[in-house]
Amino acid sequence: MLTTNQSKEAGRLSFRQPVAADGPAMHALVERCKPLDVNSRYCYLILCEHYSSSCIVAEMDGEVVAMMTAYVLPERRDTLFVWQIAVDARLRGRGVARKLFAHLLKRRNLMNITTIEATVNPSNDASRALFHSLAKACGCGVEETPLFEARLFDSAGFDHAGADHAEGEHEQENLIRVGPIYSVRKTLIGRR
C-alpha cells in the first residue's frame, strides 16, 4: 500500500519524500554521478531532515536510483531552488529527471511555486537541456546568467561543496531560471 508521499511509476519506480536514513544512499548516488559535486554525508542528512518537503527520491527495488534536492527560497517563497539532481546511469535518457519534477511539483506545499532556479556549469549540457525541456513543457521562458565565477570555488584549495578539486578546476556556475510557471500543462505535472 502506498502512502500519500509515494506513488508508483511504470510498476518499477516509486517516488517519495526522503527521510534521514536515505542520506547515505543519496551521497553514494551522487558519488556515482560524475561530475556532480559530492557534498558531505552530513549535508544529505540535513537535506533529508530539514528540507524533505521540497526534496524527492526515486526508488527501484528498494534502492535509491534518482534524487532531487531543492528548497524554497526564504526571501522569495514562489521560487524553488534546485540544488542537485542525480539519476543512476542505468536510468538516464528515460525521462526520470522530468518525472522527479512532476512528482515534486504536485505537492501541496509547492503549489505556489512560479519560478524554478538552479546553477549549472557552462559545460553541463544535460542539465541545461533538462531545464529548457521543463520550460518548454510548462510553456514559459528560461534564462541563464553568470552567477559565481570559477575563482570563488578555488580559494584556499577547496570549493563550496567540499569536493576535492585542484586549483582552477571548478567551472563558473550560471544561474538558470525557468518561469513564470502559471498554467502548467497537465501532461507535465497535473497541477490545477
N, C-alpha and C. Protein backbone atom coordinates (compact mmCIF):
# COMPACT_ATOMS: atom_id res chain seq x y z
N MET A 1 0.84 -1.18 0.00
CA MET A 1 0.00 0.00 0.00
C MET A 1 0.89 1.25 0.00
N LEU A 2 0.56 2.22 -0.85
CA LEU A 2 1.37 3.43 -0.98
C LEU A 2 0.86 4.52 -0.05
N THR A 3 1.80 5.28 0.51
CA THR A 3 1.43 6.42 1.33
C THR A 3 1.17 7.62 0.44
N THR A 4 0.72 8.72 1.03
CA THR A 4 0.47 9.93 0.25
C THR A 4 1.77 10.53 -0.27
N ASN A 5 2.90 10.18 0.32
CA ASN A 5 4.18 10.70 -0.12
C ASN A 5 4.83 9.81 -1.18
N GLN A 6 4.14 8.81 -1.65
CA GLN A 6 4.75 7.83 -2.54
C GLN A 6 3.76 7.47 -3.64
N SER A 7 4.26 7.25 -4.85
CA SER A 7 3.41 6.79 -5.94
C SER A 7 4.22 5.89 -6.84
N LYS A 8 3.56 4.96 -7.50
CA LYS A 8 4.24 4.03 -8.40
C LYS A 8 4.32 4.63 -9.80
N GLU A 9 5.41 4.36 -10.48
CA GLU A 9 5.61 4.82 -11.84
C GLU A 9 6.03 3.63 -12.68
N ALA A 10 5.21 3.25 -13.64
CA ALA A 10 5.50 2.16 -14.57
C ALA A 10 5.81 0.85 -13.85
N GLY A 11 5.29 0.68 -12.62
CA GLY A 11 5.48 -0.56 -11.89
C GLY A 11 6.89 -0.79 -11.40
N ARG A 12 7.80 0.13 -11.66
CA ARG A 12 9.20 -0.08 -11.29
C ARG A 12 9.73 0.99 -10.36
N LEU A 13 9.44 2.23 -10.63
CA LEU A 13 9.95 3.33 -9.83
C LEU A 13 8.89 3.81 -8.85
N SER A 14 9.31 4.15 -7.64
CA SER A 14 8.42 4.81 -6.70
C SER A 14 9.09 6.12 -6.29
N PHE A 15 8.28 7.14 -6.11
CA PHE A 15 8.75 8.49 -5.79
C PHE A 15 8.21 8.87 -4.43
N ARG A 16 9.09 9.46 -3.59
CA ARG A 16 8.65 9.85 -2.24
C ARG A 16 9.59 10.90 -1.66
N GLN A 17 9.14 11.48 -0.54
CA GLN A 17 9.99 12.39 0.22
C GLN A 17 11.11 11.58 0.85
N PRO A 18 12.30 12.13 0.90
CA PRO A 18 13.38 11.40 1.57
C PRO A 18 13.26 11.51 3.09
N VAL A 19 13.85 10.55 3.78
CA VAL A 19 13.99 10.58 5.23
C VAL A 19 15.48 10.50 5.53
N ALA A 20 15.86 10.81 6.75
CA ALA A 20 17.28 10.86 7.11
C ALA A 20 18.01 9.56 6.73
N ALA A 21 17.36 8.44 6.85
CA ALA A 21 18.00 7.16 6.51
C ALA A 21 18.39 7.08 5.03
N ASP A 22 17.83 7.95 4.19
CA ASP A 22 18.19 7.98 2.77
C ASP A 22 19.48 8.74 2.50
N GLY A 23 19.93 9.54 3.48
CA GLY A 23 21.12 10.37 3.29
C GLY A 23 22.33 9.62 2.75
N PRO A 24 22.73 8.49 3.35
CA PRO A 24 23.89 7.76 2.82
C PRO A 24 23.69 7.26 1.39
N ALA A 25 22.50 6.81 1.05
CA ALA A 25 22.23 6.34 -0.32
C ALA A 25 22.28 7.49 -1.31
N MET A 26 21.79 8.67 -0.90
CA MET A 26 21.84 9.84 -1.77
C MET A 26 23.29 10.26 -1.99
N HIS A 27 24.09 10.24 -0.94
CA HIS A 27 25.51 10.56 -1.04
C HIS A 27 26.19 9.60 -2.01
N ALA A 28 25.92 8.31 -1.88
CA ALA A 28 26.53 7.30 -2.74
C ALA A 28 26.09 7.48 -4.20
N LEU A 29 24.83 7.84 -4.41
CA LEU A 29 24.33 8.07 -5.77
C LEU A 29 25.07 9.24 -6.41
N VAL A 30 25.22 10.33 -5.68
CA VAL A 30 25.93 11.49 -6.23
C VAL A 30 27.39 11.13 -6.53
N GLU A 31 28.01 10.33 -5.68
CA GLU A 31 29.38 9.87 -5.95
C GLU A 31 29.48 9.13 -7.28
N ARG A 32 28.43 8.39 -7.64
CA ARG A 32 28.42 7.64 -8.90
C ARG A 32 28.08 8.51 -10.10
N CYS A 33 27.60 9.72 -9.86
CA CYS A 33 27.12 10.60 -10.93
C CYS A 33 28.11 11.71 -11.22
N LYS A 34 29.28 11.36 -11.65
CA LYS A 34 30.30 12.36 -12.02
C LYS A 34 29.75 13.18 -13.18
N PRO A 35 29.97 14.44 -13.25
CA PRO A 35 30.88 15.27 -12.47
C PRO A 35 30.19 16.06 -11.35
N LEU A 36 29.06 15.58 -10.83
CA LEU A 36 28.39 16.31 -9.75
C LEU A 36 29.34 16.50 -8.56
N ASP A 37 29.22 17.66 -7.92
CA ASP A 37 29.97 17.89 -6.69
C ASP A 37 29.37 17.03 -5.59
N VAL A 38 30.22 16.30 -4.90
CA VAL A 38 29.77 15.46 -3.80
C VAL A 38 29.84 16.29 -2.52
N ASN A 39 28.69 16.49 -1.91
CA ASN A 39 28.63 17.19 -0.64
C ASN A 39 28.91 16.20 0.49
N SER A 40 29.07 16.68 1.69
CA SER A 40 29.33 15.80 2.83
C SER A 40 28.11 14.93 3.10
N ARG A 41 28.32 13.80 3.74
CA ARG A 41 27.21 12.94 4.14
C ARG A 41 26.26 13.71 5.07
N TYR A 42 26.83 14.54 5.92
CA TYR A 42 26.04 15.34 6.84
C TYR A 42 25.08 16.26 6.07
N CYS A 43 25.55 16.83 4.98
CA CYS A 43 24.70 17.71 4.17
C CYS A 43 23.45 16.97 3.69
N TYR A 44 23.63 15.73 3.21
CA TYR A 44 22.47 14.97 2.72
C TYR A 44 21.53 14.60 3.86
N LEU A 45 22.09 14.33 5.05
CA LEU A 45 21.24 14.05 6.21
C LEU A 45 20.40 15.27 6.55
N ILE A 46 21.01 16.46 6.54
CA ILE A 46 20.29 17.69 6.84
C ILE A 46 19.22 17.97 5.79
N LEU A 47 19.57 17.78 4.51
CA LEU A 47 18.58 17.98 3.46
C LEU A 47 17.37 17.07 3.66
N CYS A 48 17.62 15.82 4.01
CA CYS A 48 16.52 14.87 4.25
C CYS A 48 15.72 15.22 5.49
N GLU A 49 16.39 15.71 6.51
CA GLU A 49 15.72 16.01 7.77
C GLU A 49 14.98 17.34 7.73
N HIS A 50 15.61 18.39 7.18
CA HIS A 50 15.03 19.74 7.25
C HIS A 50 14.29 20.17 5.98
N TYR A 51 14.62 19.57 4.84
CA TYR A 51 14.05 20.01 3.57
C TYR A 51 13.35 18.89 2.81
N SER A 52 12.90 17.86 3.51
CA SER A 52 12.30 16.71 2.83
C SER A 52 11.05 17.10 2.04
N SER A 53 10.34 18.14 2.47
CA SER A 53 9.11 18.51 1.77
C SER A 53 9.39 19.15 0.41
N SER A 54 10.65 19.50 0.15
CA SER A 54 10.99 20.06 -1.17
C SER A 54 12.06 19.21 -1.87
N CYS A 55 12.33 18.02 -1.35
CA CYS A 55 13.26 17.09 -1.97
C CYS A 55 12.50 15.81 -2.34
N ILE A 56 13.09 15.01 -3.22
CA ILE A 56 12.42 13.79 -3.66
C ILE A 56 13.46 12.74 -4.02
N VAL A 57 13.11 11.48 -3.76
CA VAL A 57 13.93 10.35 -4.20
C VAL A 57 13.06 9.42 -5.02
N ALA A 58 13.71 8.71 -5.93
CA ALA A 58 13.05 7.65 -6.69
C ALA A 58 13.75 6.35 -6.33
N GLU A 59 12.96 5.33 -6.04
CA GLU A 59 13.49 4.02 -5.69
C GLU A 59 13.11 2.99 -6.74
N MET A 60 13.96 2.00 -6.89
CA MET A 60 13.66 0.84 -7.71
C MET A 60 14.17 -0.37 -6.95
N ASP A 61 13.30 -1.30 -6.67
CA ASP A 61 13.66 -2.50 -5.91
C ASP A 61 14.33 -2.14 -4.59
N GLY A 62 13.81 -1.11 -3.91
CA GLY A 62 14.32 -0.71 -2.61
C GLY A 62 15.61 0.09 -2.62
N GLU A 63 16.12 0.43 -3.80
CA GLU A 63 17.37 1.19 -3.92
C GLU A 63 17.08 2.60 -4.43
N VAL A 64 17.71 3.61 -3.82
CA VAL A 64 17.57 4.98 -4.30
C VAL A 64 18.36 5.09 -5.60
N VAL A 65 17.65 5.36 -6.71
CA VAL A 65 18.27 5.41 -8.03
C VAL A 65 18.21 6.79 -8.66
N ALA A 66 17.49 7.70 -8.04
CA ALA A 66 17.43 9.08 -8.54
C ALA A 66 16.99 9.96 -7.38
N MET A 67 17.40 11.24 -7.45
CA MET A 67 17.01 12.16 -6.39
C MET A 67 17.14 13.59 -6.87
N MET A 68 16.39 14.45 -6.21
CA MET A 68 16.49 15.89 -6.43
C MET A 68 16.45 16.54 -5.06
N THR A 69 17.46 17.38 -4.80
CA THR A 69 17.44 18.17 -3.58
C THR A 69 17.11 19.60 -3.97
N ALA A 70 16.22 20.21 -3.21
CA ALA A 70 15.77 21.56 -3.53
C ALA A 70 15.22 22.20 -2.27
N TYR A 71 15.06 23.51 -2.33
CA TYR A 71 14.44 24.23 -1.22
C TYR A 71 13.77 25.49 -1.74
N VAL A 72 12.77 25.95 -1.00
CA VAL A 72 12.08 27.19 -1.34
C VAL A 72 12.92 28.34 -0.79
N LEU A 73 13.18 29.33 -1.65
CA LEU A 73 14.00 30.46 -1.22
C LEU A 73 13.29 31.25 -0.12
N PRO A 74 13.96 31.50 1.00
CA PRO A 74 13.31 32.20 2.12
C PRO A 74 12.82 33.60 1.75
N GLU A 75 13.53 34.29 0.88
CA GLU A 75 13.16 35.66 0.51
C GLU A 75 12.13 35.72 -0.63
N ARG A 76 11.99 34.60 -1.35
CA ARG A 76 11.04 34.54 -2.48
C ARG A 76 10.33 33.19 -2.40
N ARG A 77 9.23 33.15 -1.69
CA ARG A 77 8.52 31.90 -1.40
C ARG A 77 7.89 31.27 -2.64
N ASP A 78 7.93 31.96 -3.78
CA ASP A 78 7.40 31.41 -5.02
C ASP A 78 8.50 30.78 -5.88
N THR A 79 9.72 30.69 -5.34
CA THR A 79 10.86 30.20 -6.11
C THR A 79 11.45 28.96 -5.45
N LEU A 80 11.56 27.90 -6.24
CA LEU A 80 12.18 26.65 -5.81
C LEU A 80 13.59 26.62 -6.38
N PHE A 81 14.59 26.51 -5.50
CA PHE A 81 15.97 26.40 -5.94
C PHE A 81 16.36 24.93 -5.93
N VAL A 82 16.73 24.42 -7.09
CA VAL A 82 17.15 23.02 -7.22
C VAL A 82 18.65 22.95 -7.00
N TRP A 83 19.04 22.25 -5.95
CA TRP A 83 20.45 22.15 -5.60
C TRP A 83 21.13 21.07 -6.43
N GLN A 84 20.59 19.85 -6.42
CA GLN A 84 21.20 18.76 -7.18
C GLN A 84 20.13 17.83 -7.72
N ILE A 85 20.43 17.29 -8.89
CA ILE A 85 19.64 16.21 -9.48
C ILE A 85 20.62 15.12 -9.84
N ALA A 86 20.33 13.91 -9.41
CA ALA A 86 21.19 12.77 -9.74
C ALA A 86 20.31 11.61 -10.19
N VAL A 87 20.70 10.99 -11.31
CA VAL A 87 19.99 9.83 -11.83
C VAL A 87 21.02 8.76 -12.12
N ASP A 88 20.80 7.57 -11.60
CA ASP A 88 21.70 6.45 -11.82
C ASP A 88 21.90 6.22 -13.32
N ALA A 89 23.10 5.87 -13.71
CA ALA A 89 23.47 5.73 -15.12
C ALA A 89 22.53 4.81 -15.89
N ARG A 90 22.07 3.75 -15.26
CA ARG A 90 21.21 2.78 -16.00
C ARG A 90 19.83 3.33 -16.31
N LEU A 91 19.45 4.48 -15.71
CA LEU A 91 18.13 5.07 -15.96
C LEU A 91 18.18 6.36 -16.76
N ARG A 92 19.37 6.79 -17.13
CA ARG A 92 19.48 8.06 -17.86
C ARG A 92 18.87 7.92 -19.26
N GLY A 93 18.32 9.04 -19.72
CA GLY A 93 17.70 9.05 -21.05
C GLY A 93 16.28 8.52 -21.05
N ARG A 94 15.71 8.27 -19.88
CA ARG A 94 14.36 7.72 -19.78
C ARG A 94 13.37 8.73 -19.17
N GLY A 95 13.78 9.97 -19.05
CA GLY A 95 12.88 11.00 -18.54
C GLY A 95 12.69 10.97 -17.03
N VAL A 96 13.59 10.32 -16.30
CA VAL A 96 13.44 10.21 -14.86
C VAL A 96 13.54 11.58 -14.18
N ALA A 97 14.44 12.43 -14.63
CA ALA A 97 14.57 13.76 -14.02
C ALA A 97 13.27 14.56 -14.19
N ARG A 98 12.66 14.48 -15.36
CA ARG A 98 11.37 15.17 -15.56
C ARG A 98 10.30 14.59 -14.64
N LYS A 99 10.34 13.28 -14.42
CA LYS A 99 9.38 12.65 -13.51
C LYS A 99 9.61 13.11 -12.08
N LEU A 100 10.86 13.31 -11.70
CA LEU A 100 11.14 13.86 -10.37
C LEU A 100 10.46 15.21 -10.21
N PHE A 101 10.62 16.08 -11.22
CA PHE A 101 9.95 17.38 -11.19
C PHE A 101 8.44 17.22 -11.12
N ALA A 102 7.90 16.34 -11.94
CA ALA A 102 6.45 16.15 -11.99
C ALA A 102 5.90 15.75 -10.63
N HIS A 103 6.53 14.79 -9.99
CA HIS A 103 6.04 14.33 -8.69
C HIS A 103 6.27 15.37 -7.60
N LEU A 104 7.40 16.05 -7.65
CA LEU A 104 7.70 17.06 -6.63
C LEU A 104 6.74 18.24 -6.70
N LEU A 105 6.49 18.74 -7.89
CA LEU A 105 5.67 19.95 -8.03
C LEU A 105 4.18 19.71 -7.82
N LYS A 106 3.77 18.47 -7.67
CA LYS A 106 2.38 18.16 -7.32
C LYS A 106 2.10 18.36 -5.84
N ARG A 107 3.15 18.45 -5.05
CA ARG A 107 2.96 18.54 -3.61
C ARG A 107 2.24 19.84 -3.23
N ARG A 108 1.33 19.72 -2.31
CA ARG A 108 0.52 20.85 -1.86
C ARG A 108 1.38 22.01 -1.39
N ASN A 109 2.47 21.73 -0.67
CA ASN A 109 3.30 22.81 -0.13
C ASN A 109 4.08 23.54 -1.22
N LEU A 110 4.09 23.04 -2.45
CA LEU A 110 4.81 23.68 -3.54
C LEU A 110 3.89 24.23 -4.62
N MET A 111 2.60 24.28 -4.36
CA MET A 111 1.64 24.75 -5.35
C MET A 111 1.82 26.22 -5.72
N ASN A 112 2.47 27.01 -4.86
CA ASN A 112 2.66 28.44 -5.15
C ASN A 112 3.96 28.73 -5.90
N ILE A 113 4.69 27.69 -6.25
CA ILE A 113 5.95 27.88 -6.97
C ILE A 113 5.65 28.36 -8.39
N THR A 114 6.25 29.50 -8.76
CA THR A 114 6.10 30.01 -10.13
C THR A 114 7.44 30.10 -10.85
N THR A 115 8.53 29.92 -10.11
CA THR A 115 9.86 30.00 -10.70
C THR A 115 10.73 28.87 -10.16
N ILE A 116 11.50 28.27 -11.04
CA ILE A 116 12.48 27.25 -10.65
C ILE A 116 13.85 27.78 -11.03
N GLU A 117 14.77 27.74 -10.07
CA GLU A 117 16.13 28.19 -10.30
C GLU A 117 17.11 27.08 -9.95
N ALA A 118 18.27 27.14 -10.58
CA ALA A 118 19.36 26.22 -10.29
C ALA A 118 20.64 26.85 -10.81
N THR A 119 21.76 26.30 -10.42
CA THR A 119 23.02 26.73 -11.03
C THR A 119 23.53 25.58 -11.88
N VAL A 120 24.14 25.93 -13.00
CA VAL A 120 24.71 24.94 -13.92
C VAL A 120 26.07 25.41 -14.39
N ASN A 121 26.97 24.47 -14.60
CA ASN A 121 28.26 24.78 -15.21
C ASN A 121 28.05 25.00 -16.70
N PRO A 122 28.83 25.85 -17.33
CA PRO A 122 28.69 26.08 -18.77
C PRO A 122 28.81 24.80 -19.61
N SER A 123 29.56 23.81 -19.13
CA SER A 123 29.74 22.58 -19.91
C SER A 123 28.68 21.53 -19.63
N ASN A 124 27.75 21.78 -18.71
CA ASN A 124 26.76 20.78 -18.34
C ASN A 124 25.56 20.85 -19.27
N ASP A 125 25.73 20.30 -20.46
CA ASP A 125 24.68 20.34 -21.47
C ASP A 125 23.44 19.55 -21.06
N ALA A 126 23.62 18.46 -20.31
CA ALA A 126 22.47 17.65 -19.90
C ALA A 126 21.54 18.44 -18.97
N SER A 127 22.12 19.14 -17.99
CA SER A 127 21.28 19.94 -17.09
C SER A 127 20.59 21.08 -17.83
N ARG A 128 21.34 21.72 -18.68
CA ARG A 128 20.77 22.82 -19.47
C ARG A 128 19.60 22.30 -20.31
N ALA A 129 19.77 21.16 -20.96
CA ALA A 129 18.70 20.58 -21.77
C ALA A 129 17.47 20.24 -20.92
N LEU A 130 17.70 19.74 -19.70
CA LEU A 130 16.59 19.41 -18.81
C LEU A 130 15.77 20.66 -18.49
N PHE A 131 16.43 21.75 -18.13
CA PHE A 131 15.70 22.96 -17.76
C PHE A 131 15.02 23.60 -18.97
N HIS A 132 15.62 23.52 -20.14
CA HIS A 132 14.96 24.02 -21.35
C HIS A 132 13.74 23.16 -21.68
N SER A 133 13.86 21.86 -21.49
CA SER A 133 12.73 20.96 -21.71
C SER A 133 11.59 21.24 -20.73
N LEU A 134 11.95 21.49 -19.49
CA LEU A 134 10.94 21.83 -18.48
C LEU A 134 10.22 23.12 -18.85
N ALA A 135 10.99 24.12 -19.27
CA ALA A 135 10.38 25.40 -19.67
C ALA A 135 9.43 25.21 -20.85
N LYS A 136 9.85 24.42 -21.81
CA LYS A 136 9.00 24.17 -22.99
C LYS A 136 7.71 23.46 -22.58
N ALA A 137 7.84 22.45 -21.71
CA ALA A 137 6.65 21.70 -21.27
C ALA A 137 5.71 22.59 -20.46
N CYS A 138 6.26 23.57 -19.73
CA CYS A 138 5.44 24.46 -18.91
C CYS A 138 4.96 25.69 -19.69
N GLY A 139 5.43 25.83 -20.92
CA GLY A 139 5.02 26.96 -21.73
C GLY A 139 5.52 28.28 -21.18
N CYS A 140 6.74 28.28 -20.67
CA CYS A 140 7.29 29.51 -20.09
C CYS A 140 8.72 29.71 -20.56
N GLY A 141 9.33 30.78 -20.09
CA GLY A 141 10.67 31.13 -20.52
C GLY A 141 11.75 30.50 -19.68
N VAL A 142 12.97 30.57 -20.22
CA VAL A 142 14.16 30.13 -19.50
C VAL A 142 15.25 31.15 -19.78
N GLU A 143 15.99 31.53 -18.75
CA GLU A 143 17.10 32.45 -18.95
C GLU A 143 18.29 31.95 -18.15
N GLU A 144 19.47 32.30 -18.63
CA GLU A 144 20.70 31.88 -17.96
C GLU A 144 21.64 33.07 -17.87
N THR A 145 22.15 33.30 -16.67
CA THR A 145 23.06 34.42 -16.44
C THR A 145 24.21 33.95 -15.55
N PRO A 146 25.39 34.54 -15.70
CA PRO A 146 26.51 34.19 -14.83
C PRO A 146 26.16 34.50 -13.37
N LEU A 147 26.60 33.64 -12.45
CA LEU A 147 26.33 33.88 -11.04
C LEU A 147 27.61 33.85 -10.20
N PHE A 148 28.29 32.70 -10.18
CA PHE A 148 29.51 32.56 -9.38
C PHE A 148 30.70 32.31 -10.30
N GLU A 149 31.70 33.17 -10.21
CA GLU A 149 32.92 32.99 -11.01
C GLU A 149 33.68 31.77 -10.49
N ALA A 150 34.44 31.13 -11.37
CA ALA A 150 35.21 29.94 -11.02
C ALA A 150 36.17 30.20 -9.87
N ARG A 151 36.76 31.38 -9.84
CA ARG A 151 37.76 31.69 -8.80
C ARG A 151 37.16 31.63 -7.40
N LEU A 152 35.85 31.82 -7.25
CA LEU A 152 35.22 31.76 -5.94
C LEU A 152 35.25 30.35 -5.35
N PHE A 153 35.32 29.34 -6.20
CA PHE A 153 35.34 27.96 -5.74
C PHE A 153 36.73 27.47 -5.39
N ASP A 154 37.73 28.17 -5.87
CA ASP A 154 39.09 27.66 -5.76
C ASP A 154 39.93 28.32 -4.68
N SER A 155 39.41 29.28 -3.96
CA SER A 155 40.22 29.91 -2.92
C SER A 155 40.53 28.89 -1.83
N ALA A 156 41.74 28.91 -1.35
CA ALA A 156 42.23 28.02 -0.29
C ALA A 156 42.21 26.55 -0.70
N GLY A 157 42.07 26.26 -2.00
CA GLY A 157 42.18 24.89 -2.48
C GLY A 157 40.96 24.01 -2.24
N PHE A 158 39.82 24.60 -1.88
CA PHE A 158 38.61 23.80 -1.74
C PHE A 158 37.43 24.59 -2.28
N ASP A 159 36.35 23.88 -2.56
CA ASP A 159 35.19 24.59 -3.10
C ASP A 159 34.02 24.55 -2.13
N HIS A 160 32.89 25.11 -2.58
CA HIS A 160 31.70 25.25 -1.73
C HIS A 160 31.15 23.94 -1.23
N ALA A 161 31.34 22.86 -1.95
CA ALA A 161 30.73 21.59 -1.59
C ALA A 161 31.70 20.66 -0.87
N GLY A 162 32.93 21.09 -0.68
CA GLY A 162 33.89 20.23 -0.03
C GLY A 162 34.48 19.21 -0.98
N ALA A 163 34.16 19.33 -2.26
CA ALA A 163 34.69 18.39 -3.24
C ALA A 163 36.18 18.64 -3.40
N ASP A 164 36.89 17.64 -3.83
CA ASP A 164 38.34 17.71 -3.91
C ASP A 164 38.77 18.13 -5.31
N HIS A 165 38.66 19.43 -5.61
CA HIS A 165 39.06 19.96 -6.90
C HIS A 165 40.44 20.56 -6.81
N ALA A 166 41.23 20.36 -7.85
CA ALA A 166 42.52 21.04 -7.92
C ALA A 166 42.27 22.51 -8.24
N GLU A 167 43.23 23.34 -7.91
CA GLU A 167 43.13 24.78 -8.17
C GLU A 167 42.77 25.02 -9.64
N GLY A 168 41.73 25.83 -9.89
CA GLY A 168 41.35 26.19 -11.25
C GLY A 168 40.48 25.17 -11.95
N GLU A 169 40.11 24.07 -11.29
CA GLU A 169 39.33 23.02 -11.95
C GLU A 169 37.83 23.29 -12.01
N HIS A 170 37.28 23.95 -11.01
CA HIS A 170 35.83 24.14 -10.95
C HIS A 170 35.42 25.26 -11.91
N GLU A 171 34.43 24.97 -12.73
CA GLU A 171 33.91 25.97 -13.67
C GLU A 171 33.07 27.01 -12.92
N GLN A 172 32.78 28.09 -13.60
CA GLN A 172 31.82 29.05 -13.05
C GLN A 172 30.47 28.38 -12.97
N GLU A 173 29.60 28.95 -12.17
CA GLU A 173 28.22 28.47 -12.06
C GLU A 173 27.30 29.57 -12.59
N ASN A 174 26.47 29.21 -13.54
CA ASN A 174 25.48 30.13 -14.09
C ASN A 174 24.13 29.87 -13.42
N LEU A 175 23.36 30.92 -13.22
CA LEU A 175 22.01 30.79 -12.70
C LEU A 175 21.08 30.55 -13.87
N ILE A 176 20.31 29.48 -13.79
CA ILE A 176 19.29 29.21 -14.81
C ILE A 176 17.94 29.37 -14.13
N ARG A 177 17.04 30.09 -14.79
CA ARG A 177 15.73 30.42 -14.21
C ARG A 177 14.64 30.02 -15.20
N VAL A 178 13.68 29.22 -14.72
CA VAL A 178 12.54 28.77 -15.52
C VAL A 178 11.29 29.41 -14.92
N GLY A 179 10.51 30.09 -15.77
CA GLY A 179 9.29 30.68 -15.27
C GLY A 179 8.86 31.86 -16.11
N PRO A 180 7.76 32.49 -15.81
CA PRO A 180 6.88 32.11 -14.71
C PRO A 180 6.00 30.91 -15.07
N ILE A 181 5.86 30.02 -14.10
CA ILE A 181 5.04 28.81 -14.27
C ILE A 181 3.67 29.12 -13.67
N TYR A 182 2.72 29.44 -14.52
CA TYR A 182 1.36 29.72 -14.04
C TYR A 182 0.40 28.65 -14.48
N SER A 183 0.37 28.38 -15.76
CA SER A 183 -0.56 27.37 -16.26
C SER A 183 0.25 26.20 -16.78
N VAL A 184 0.63 25.34 -15.87
CA VAL A 184 1.45 24.19 -16.23
C VAL A 184 0.57 23.16 -16.93
N ARG A 185 1.06 22.64 -18.02
CA ARG A 185 0.30 21.64 -18.75
C ARG A 185 0.12 20.39 -17.90
N LYS A 186 -1.07 19.86 -17.90
CA LYS A 186 -1.38 18.69 -17.09
C LYS A 186 -0.52 17.49 -17.46
N THR A 187 -0.05 17.42 -18.68
CA THR A 187 0.79 16.30 -19.08
C THR A 187 2.13 16.30 -18.35
N LEU A 188 2.58 17.46 -17.88
CA LEU A 188 3.84 17.51 -17.16
C LEU A 188 3.65 17.16 -15.69
N ILE A 189 2.84 17.91 -14.99
CA ILE A 189 2.75 17.69 -13.55
C ILE A 189 1.33 17.61 -12.99
N GLY A 190 0.33 17.85 -13.80
CA GLY A 190 -1.03 17.69 -13.33
C GLY A 190 -1.47 18.70 -12.30
N ARG A 191 -0.84 19.87 -12.25
CA ARG A 191 -1.28 20.90 -11.30
C ARG A 191 -2.56 21.54 -11.82
N ARG A 192 -3.39 21.97 -10.91
CA ARG A 192 -4.66 22.62 -11.29
C ARG A 192 -4.69 24.03 -10.77
